[in-house]
Protein backbone atom coordinates (compact mmCIF):
# COMPACT_ATOMS: atom_id res chain seq x y z
CA UNK A 1 20.90 -10.35 4.00
CA UNK A 2 17.69 -11.84 5.33
CA UNK A 3 14.88 -10.56 3.13
CA UNK A 4 12.16 -12.62 4.76
CA UNK A 5 10.37 -9.55 6.09
CA UNK A 6 10.19 -7.80 2.76
CA UNK A 7 6.74 -6.28 2.15
CA UNK A 8 5.13 -8.70 -0.27
CA UNK A 9 2.09 -6.76 -1.48
CA UNK A 10 -0.61 -7.80 -3.88
CA UNK A 11 -0.73 -5.34 -6.77
CA UNK A 12 -3.84 -4.75 -8.83
CA UNK A 13 -4.41 -2.56 -11.85
CA UNK A 14 -8.13 -1.92 -11.43
CA UNK A 15 -9.31 -1.09 -7.95
CA UNK A 16 -12.79 -2.54 -7.61
CA UNK A 17 -14.09 -4.58 -4.69
CA UNK A 18 -13.03 -8.23 -4.80
CA UNK A 19 -15.52 -10.82 -3.53
CA UNK A 20 -13.98 -14.25 -2.98
CA UNK A 21 -15.75 -17.58 -2.65
CA UNK A 22 -14.86 -21.22 -2.22
CA UNK A 23 -14.39 -23.12 -5.46
CA UNK A 24 -13.88 -26.56 -6.84
CA UNK A 25 -12.19 -27.75 -10.03
CA UNK A 26 -15.21 -29.15 -11.86
CA UNK A 27 -14.45 -27.01 -14.89
CA UNK A 28 -10.83 -28.06 -15.07
CA UNK A 29 -9.77 -31.66 -15.55
CA UNK A 30 -6.53 -31.21 -17.50
CA UNK A 31 -5.73 -27.50 -17.29
CA UNK A 32 -3.25 -25.62 -19.40
CA UNK A 33 -1.08 -23.59 -16.97
CA UNK A 34 -0.08 -20.01 -17.84
CA UNK A 35 -0.46 -16.44 -16.58
CA UNK A 36 -2.23 -13.69 -18.47
CA UNK A 37 -3.79 -10.39 -17.46
CA UNK A 38 -7.18 -9.81 -19.07
CA UNK A 39 -9.93 -7.20 -18.77
CA UNK A 40 -13.66 -7.86 -18.50
CA UNK A 41 -15.28 -6.45 -21.64
CA UNK A 42 -18.85 -7.79 -21.39
CA UNK A 43 -21.54 -6.38 -19.12
CA UNK A 44 -22.83 -9.03 -16.73
CA UNK A 45 -19.93 -11.44 -17.34
CA UNK A 46 -20.35 -14.42 -15.02
CA UNK A 47 -17.79 -15.83 -12.62
CA UNK A 48 -18.61 -19.48 -11.86
CA UNK A 49 -17.56 -22.66 -10.14
CA UNK A 50 -18.88 -26.17 -10.62
CA UNK A 51 -21.47 -25.34 -7.97
CA UNK A 52 -22.90 -22.43 -9.96
CA UNK A 53 -22.72 -18.65 -10.29
CA UNK A 54 -20.44 -16.73 -7.90
CA UNK A 55 -21.02 -13.20 -9.15
CA UNK A 56 -21.45 -10.98 -12.18
CA UNK A 57 -18.50 -8.77 -13.10
CA UNK A 58 -18.35 -5.24 -14.48
CA UNK A 59 -16.60 -4.11 -17.66
CA UNK A 60 -13.13 -2.86 -16.78
CA UNK A 61 -12.37 -5.32 -13.99
CA UNK A 62 -8.84 -6.64 -14.33
CA UNK A 63 -8.31 -10.38 -13.89
CA UNK A 64 -5.23 -12.60 -13.92
CA UNK A 65 -5.95 -15.99 -15.46
CA UNK A 66 -3.66 -18.93 -14.68
CA UNK A 67 -5.40 -21.97 -16.17
CA UNK A 68 -7.55 -22.74 -19.18
CA UNK A 69 -9.97 -25.56 -19.88
CA UNK A 70 -11.56 -25.19 -23.31
CA UNK A 71 -13.43 -21.86 -23.21
CA UNK A 72 -13.05 -21.35 -19.45
CA UNK A 73 -10.28 -19.42 -17.68
CA UNK A 74 -9.43 -19.93 -14.00
CA UNK A 75 -9.08 -16.68 -11.97
CA UNK A 76 -7.34 -17.62 -8.69
CA UNK A 77 -7.74 -14.25 -6.97
CA UNK A 78 -11.50 -14.52 -7.49
CA UNK A 79 -11.78 -18.27 -6.91
CA UNK A 80 -13.78 -18.97 -10.06
CA UNK A 81 -13.97 -19.51 -13.82
CA UNK A 82 -14.98 -17.07 -16.54
CA UNK A 83 -15.70 -17.58 -20.23
CA UNK A 84 -12.87 -16.36 -22.42
CA UNK A 85 -15.41 -14.63 -24.68
CA UNK A 86 -16.11 -12.14 -21.89
CA UNK A 87 -12.49 -10.98 -21.72
CA UNK A 88 -10.10 -8.95 -23.84
CA UNK A 89 -6.34 -8.58 -23.73
CA UNK A 90 -5.44 -4.96 -22.91
CA UNK A 91 -3.86 -4.34 -26.32
CA UNK A 92 -6.97 -5.62 -28.11
CA UNK A 93 -9.27 -3.58 -25.89
CA UNK A 94 -7.30 -0.38 -26.58
CA UNK A 95 -7.56 -0.98 -30.33
CA UNK A 96 -11.34 -1.42 -30.09
CA UNK A 97 -11.80 1.60 -27.84
CA UNK A 98 -9.68 3.81 -30.10
CA UNK A 99 -12.33 3.34 -32.79
CA UNK A 100 -15.27 3.79 -30.41
CA UNK A 101 -13.83 6.97 -28.88
CA UNK A 102 -13.16 8.46 -32.30
CA UNK A 103 -16.83 7.89 -33.17
CA UNK A 104 -18.38 8.72 -29.80
CA UNK A 105 -16.19 9.67 -26.83
CA UNK A 106 -17.77 8.87 -23.46
CA UNK A 107 -16.51 8.96 -19.88
CA UNK A 108 -16.89 5.19 -19.65
CA UNK A 109 -14.86 4.55 -22.79
CA UNK A 110 -12.03 6.84 -21.71
CA UNK A 111 -12.03 5.20 -18.28
CA UNK A 112 -11.91 1.69 -19.74
CA UNK A 113 -9.09 2.59 -22.12
CA UNK A 114 -7.22 4.19 -19.24
CA UNK A 115 -7.50 0.94 -17.30
CA UNK A 116 -6.08 -1.00 -20.25
CA UNK A 117 -3.20 1.47 -20.52
CA UNK A 118 -2.63 1.13 -16.78
CA UNK A 119 -2.37 -2.67 -17.08
CA UNK A 120 0.32 -2.16 -19.74
CA UNK A 121 2.06 0.39 -17.46
CA UNK A 122 1.56 3.11 -20.05
CA UNK A 123 0.96 5.52 -17.20
CA UNK A 124 1.02 8.86 -19.10
CA UNK A 125 -1.59 7.54 -21.54
CA UNK A 126 -3.68 6.18 -18.66
CA UNK A 127 -3.55 9.50 -16.82
CA UNK A 128 -4.60 11.33 -19.99
CA UNK A 129 -7.60 9.03 -20.43
CA UNK A 130 -8.63 9.33 -16.78
CA UNK A 131 -8.45 13.14 -17.07
CA UNK A 132 -10.66 13.02 -20.18
CA UNK A 133 -13.12 10.76 -18.36
CA UNK A 134 -13.27 13.06 -15.33
CA UNK A 135 -13.90 16.04 -17.58
CA UNK A 136 -17.05 14.33 -18.81
CA UNK A 137 -18.03 12.79 -15.46
CA UNK A 138 -16.24 14.61 -12.61
CA UNK A 139 -18.02 12.81 -9.75
CA UNK A 140 -16.84 9.27 -10.54
CA UNK A 141 -15.01 7.98 -7.44
CA UNK A 142 -13.55 4.93 -9.22
CA UNK A 143 -11.59 7.11 -11.65
CA UNK A 144 -10.03 9.05 -8.77
CA UNK A 145 -9.05 5.76 -7.13
CA UNK A 146 -7.42 4.44 -10.31
CA UNK A 147 -5.60 7.72 -10.95
CA UNK A 148 -4.51 7.84 -7.32
CA UNK A 149 -3.03 4.37 -7.63
CA UNK A 150 -1.00 5.33 -10.70
CA UNK A 151 0.34 8.35 -8.84
CA UNK A 152 1.22 6.09 -5.91
CA UNK A 153 3.13 3.79 -8.24
CA UNK A 154 5.02 6.83 -9.49
CA UNK A 155 5.77 7.94 -5.88
CA UNK A 156 3.69 11.10 -6.36
CA UNK A 157 2.17 10.65 -2.93
CA UNK A 158 0.72 14.13 -2.44
CA UNK A 159 -1.17 14.00 -5.74
CA UNK A 160 -2.24 10.42 -5.04
CA UNK A 161 -3.66 11.40 -1.66
CA UNK A 162 -5.58 14.28 -3.24
CA UNK A 163 -7.27 11.81 -5.60
CA UNK A 164 -7.99 9.24 -2.89
CA UNK A 165 -9.33 11.83 -0.46
CA UNK A 166 -11.61 13.06 -3.24
CA UNK A 167 -12.79 9.50 -3.93
CA UNK A 168 -13.57 8.96 -0.24
CA UNK A 169 -15.43 12.27 -0.12
CA UNK A 170 -17.57 11.10 -3.04
CA UNK A 171 -18.03 7.60 -1.63
CA UNK A 172 -16.96 6.99 1.95
CA UNK A 173 -17.71 3.28 1.58
CA UNK A 174 -15.24 2.73 -1.27
CA UNK A 175 -13.05 -0.08 0.10
CA UNK A 176 -10.46 0.36 -2.62
CA UNK A 177 -9.92 4.05 -1.90
CA UNK A 178 -9.16 3.23 1.74
CA UNK A 179 -6.99 0.30 0.65
CA UNK A 180 -4.80 2.36 -1.68
CA UNK A 181 -4.55 5.18 0.84
CA UNK A 182 -3.51 2.55 3.39
CA UNK A 183 -0.79 1.32 1.01
CA UNK A 184 0.58 4.85 0.73
CA UNK A 185 0.70 5.18 4.52
CA UNK A 186 2.40 1.78 4.71
CA UNK A 187 5.00 2.81 2.15
CA UNK A 188 5.55 6.06 4.05
CA UNK A 189 6.04 4.06 7.28
CA UNK A 190 3.00 5.75 8.85
CA UNK A 191 2.04 2.36 10.18
CA UNK A 192 -0.76 3.16 12.61
CA UNK A 193 -2.51 5.38 10.05
CA UNK A 194 -2.07 2.62 7.49
CA UNK A 195 -3.79 0.16 9.85
CA UNK A 196 -6.70 2.58 10.28
CA UNK A 197 -7.27 2.93 6.52
CA UNK A 198 -6.85 -0.77 5.84
CA UNK A 199 -9.26 -1.57 8.65
CA UNK A 200 -11.86 0.67 7.00
CA UNK A 201 -11.32 -1.19 3.72
CA UNK A 202 -11.80 -4.54 5.47
CA UNK A 203 -14.91 -3.29 7.25
CA UNK A 204 -16.43 -2.50 3.85
CA UNK A 205 -15.22 -5.81 2.35
CA UNK A 206 -14.24 -8.43 4.96
CA UNK A 207 -13.05 -10.80 2.22
CA UNK A 208 -10.64 -8.31 0.62
CA UNK A 209 -7.47 -10.39 0.53
CA UNK A 210 -5.24 -7.52 -0.61
CA UNK A 211 -6.27 -5.34 2.34
CA UNK A 212 -5.93 -8.20 4.85
CA UNK A 213 -2.47 -8.95 3.47
CA UNK A 214 -1.39 -5.30 3.65
CA UNK A 215 -2.71 -4.88 7.20
CA UNK A 216 -0.87 -8.06 8.17
CA UNK A 217 2.33 -6.44 6.90
CA UNK A 218 1.60 -3.25 8.85
CA UNK A 219 0.97 -5.19 12.06
CA UNK A 220 4.19 -7.14 11.48
CA UNK A 221 6.14 -3.88 11.10
CA UNK A 222 4.57 -2.75 14.39
CA UNK A 223 5.75 -6.02 16.01
CA UNK A 224 2.12 -6.96 16.64
CA UNK A 225 2.73 -10.54 15.60
CA UNK A 226 -0.54 -12.10 16.75
CA UNK A 227 -2.63 -9.55 14.84
CA UNK A 228 -0.41 -10.01 11.80
CA UNK A 229 -0.83 -13.79 11.83
CA UNK A 230 -4.57 -13.41 12.28
CA UNK A 231 -4.81 -11.25 9.15
CA UNK A 232 -2.73 -13.62 7.03
CA UNK A 233 -4.80 -16.57 8.26
CA UNK A 234 -8.02 -14.72 7.42
CA UNK A 235 -6.72 -13.86 3.95
CA UNK A 236 -5.84 -17.51 3.30
CA UNK A 237 -9.23 -18.61 4.61
CA UNK A 238 -10.86 -16.23 2.15
CA UNK A 239 -8.71 -17.45 -0.74
CA UNK A 240 -5.86 -19.96 -0.52
CA UNK A 241 -4.58 -19.27 -4.04
CA UNK A 242 -2.65 -16.04 -3.36
CA UNK A 243 1.10 -16.66 -3.27
CA UNK A 244 2.10 -13.42 -1.53
CA UNK A 245 0.06 -14.15 1.58
CA UNK A 246 1.79 -17.49 2.13
CA UNK A 247 5.20 -15.83 1.78
CA UNK A 248 4.24 -13.19 4.32
CA UNK A 249 2.84 -15.74 6.78
CA UNK A 250 6.05 -17.74 6.50
CA UNK A 251 7.93 -14.79 7.99
CA UNK A 252 5.70 -15.01 11.07
CA UNK A 253 6.54 -18.70 11.48
CA UNK A 254 10.23 -17.85 11.19
CA UNK A 255 9.92 -15.23 13.90
CA UNK A 256 8.32 -17.86 16.12
CA UNK A 257 11.02 -20.41 15.25
CA UNK A 258 8.35 -22.66 13.70
CA UNK A 259 10.64 -23.39 10.77
CA UNK A 260 8.78 -26.44 9.43
CA UNK A 261 5.66 -24.31 9.00
CA UNK A 262 7.68 -21.54 7.36
CA UNK A 263 9.16 -23.95 4.81
CA UNK A 264 5.70 -25.34 4.00
CA UNK A 265 4.33 -21.85 3.42
CA UNK A 266 7.24 -20.85 1.16
CA UNK A 267 6.77 -24.07 -0.79
CA UNK A 268 3.05 -23.36 -1.16
CA UNK A 269 3.84 -19.82 -2.31
CA UNK A 270 6.10 -21.22 -5.02
CA UNK A 271 3.53 -23.82 -6.08
CA UNK A 272 1.13 -20.94 -6.69
CA UNK A 273 3.72 -18.67 -8.30
CA UNK A 274 6.98 -20.36 -9.39
CA UNK A 275 8.21 -16.96 -10.62
CA UNK A 276 8.19 -15.31 -7.19
CA UNK A 277 11.75 -14.09 -6.67
CA UNK A 278 10.87 -13.08 -3.11
CA UNK A 279 9.67 -16.57 -2.14
CA UNK A 280 12.69 -18.23 -3.76
CA UNK A 281 15.02 -15.81 -1.98
CA UNK A 282 13.44 -16.13 1.44
CA UNK A 283 13.30 -19.91 1.28
CA UNK A 284 16.95 -19.96 0.21
CA UNK A 285 17.92 -17.83 3.20
CA UNK A 286 16.03 -20.13 5.54
CA UNK A 287 17.68 -23.25 4.11
CA UNK A 288 21.12 -21.62 4.35
CA UNK A 289 20.86 -20.10 7.85
CA UNK A 290 18.11 -21.93 9.74
CA UNK A 291 18.70 -22.04 13.50
CA UNK A 292 17.48 -25.65 13.43
CA UNK A 293 20.46 -27.34 11.79
CA UNK A 294 18.35 -30.38 10.89
CA UNK A 295 16.42 -28.21 8.44
CA UNK A 296 19.46 -26.61 6.81
CA UNK A 297 19.93 -27.67 3.20
CA UNK A 298 22.72 -25.84 1.42
CA UNK A 299 22.05 -27.42 -1.98
CA UNK A 300 18.40 -26.35 -1.96
CA UNK A 301 19.51 -22.94 -0.69
CA UNK A 302 21.77 -22.50 -3.72
CA UNK A 303 19.06 -23.74 -6.10
CA UNK A 304 16.43 -21.30 -4.83
CA UNK A 305 18.84 -18.38 -4.50
CA UNK A 306 20.08 -18.85 -8.06
CA UNK A 307 16.49 -18.90 -9.30
CA UNK A 308 15.69 -15.69 -7.42
CA UNK A 309 18.67 -13.94 -8.99
CA UNK A 310 17.84 -15.27 -12.46
CA UNK A 311 14.31 -13.89 -12.13
CA UNK A 312 15.70 -10.45 -11.24
CA UNK A 313 18.55 -10.61 -13.78
CA UNK A 314 21.16 -10.51 -11.00
CA UNK A 315 20.35 -6.84 -10.36
CA UNK A 316 19.11 -7.01 -6.74
CA UNK A 317 21.95 -6.68 -4.21
CA UNK A 318 19.86 -8.25 -1.44
CA UNK A 319 19.17 -11.37 -3.48
CA UNK A 320 22.83 -11.53 -4.50
CA UNK A 321 23.73 -11.45 -0.80
CA UNK A 322 21.43 -14.41 -0.19
CA UNK A 323 23.05 -16.27 -3.08
CA UNK A 324 26.52 -15.58 -1.66
CA UNK A 325 25.39 -16.81 1.75
CA UNK A 326 24.01 -19.96 0.13
CA UNK A 327 27.25 -20.58 -1.76
CA UNK A 328 29.16 -20.13 1.48
CA UNK A 329 26.91 -22.62 3.27
CA UNK A 330 27.53 -25.06 0.42
CA UNK A 331 31.33 -24.55 0.68
CA UNK A 332 31.52 -22.86 -2.73
CA UNK A 333 33.70 -20.07 -1.40
CA UNK A 334 35.01 -18.72 -4.73
CA UNK A 335 31.46 -18.29 -5.99
CA UNK A 336 30.48 -16.72 -2.66
CA UNK A 337 33.28 -14.14 -2.94
CA UNK A 338 32.46 -13.32 -6.56
CA UNK A 339 28.73 -12.93 -5.81
CA UNK A 340 29.36 -10.75 -2.75
CA UNK A 341 31.54 -8.50 -4.90
CA UNK A 342 28.59 -8.10 -7.28
CA UNK A 343 26.28 -7.36 -4.35
CA UNK A 344 28.64 -4.67 -3.03
CA UNK A 345 28.68 -2.95 -6.42
CA UNK A 346 24.87 -2.76 -6.50
CA UNK A 347 24.13 -2.14 -2.81
CA UNK A 348 23.19 1.26 -1.35
CA UNK A 349 25.97 3.10 0.44
CA UNK A 350 24.72 2.24 3.93
CA UNK A 351 24.90 -1.50 3.17
CA UNK A 352 28.29 -1.68 1.46
CA UNK A 353 30.26 -1.73 4.72
CA UNK A 354 28.34 -4.73 6.09
CA UNK A 355 28.80 -6.65 2.83
CA UNK A 356 32.51 -5.83 2.70
CA UNK A 357 32.93 -7.23 6.22
CA UNK A 358 31.27 -10.45 5.09
CA UNK A 359 33.55 -10.59 2.05
CA UNK A 360 36.64 -10.11 4.23
CA UNK A 361 35.62 -13.03 6.47
CA UNK A 362 35.28 -15.33 3.46
CA UNK A 363 38.56 -14.30 1.82
CA UNK A 364 40.53 -14.49 5.09
CA UNK A 365 39.40 -18.04 5.90
């Protein structure tokens, strides 16, 4: 089944304003490529490019590093480099804070440890630390935003909205509170309300890629294609190192039958994140089913679809359906039948009938 319009959101563990700038690669001549989530542990840590200082960061900000050159780490979502000495892995930070809190518990230390627990998806421990922090400093909007995001991730939408509404009451200009509340509305299919909240986030921070990306998704769901494309273009203009935005923009090109542009965007998404199962899957579907037969490529379809399923351990029925479709396009009918059978076993009830009809067509030919 075509998964090209899947909501490809940017997830973040710490919800602080993101300011993005242009960069160059002066710091990185022969980078080591990897992916690691780190937390700023030094007050006044500097984010830089070869042209100089971009901004100073606050302790507790969560960064994903993807390249290293000596003591410098490249942070694509921020468009700059930071010294490794200013960062801690979440496990290391928790160990340090355990000792500090035992000696002198403060709201800031509980909050920072909660952020580290959140990065590790230890949500009960994170919620406990945020509660302890709020007990000591009950008017801290950032803690309510972080706790609200955890509750969103756990589908506790009512509790999440209570926290986010409280954060907005304390600080109506908090872009992240509006952003997370917009994500909840998006997930609840309250699309127009989602647009309103995400617009408020963007008004507070016009360079907020995550909010631009989410609003682009909302506009797309509302069939407001021009507005959606405008948001994805603006997000890429702000920072062209975010894989999810390219995947989402590719769906717009597909809708407009601009398949060459869609393929280029999927390829760019995979250059930035080779482990994106969504991008592999959607590119596979396009190669297998493209309305422009000149662009069909069944072998590449199989290659990308297999990679998508490997990345999700063959547990996603939708991706298995794409793999079966790719096998069928490549005349590997036995594999297509076997894979569709797997998809049927894992699919929700409302999708099983459609998949069974596809299986019958393959087996009867």
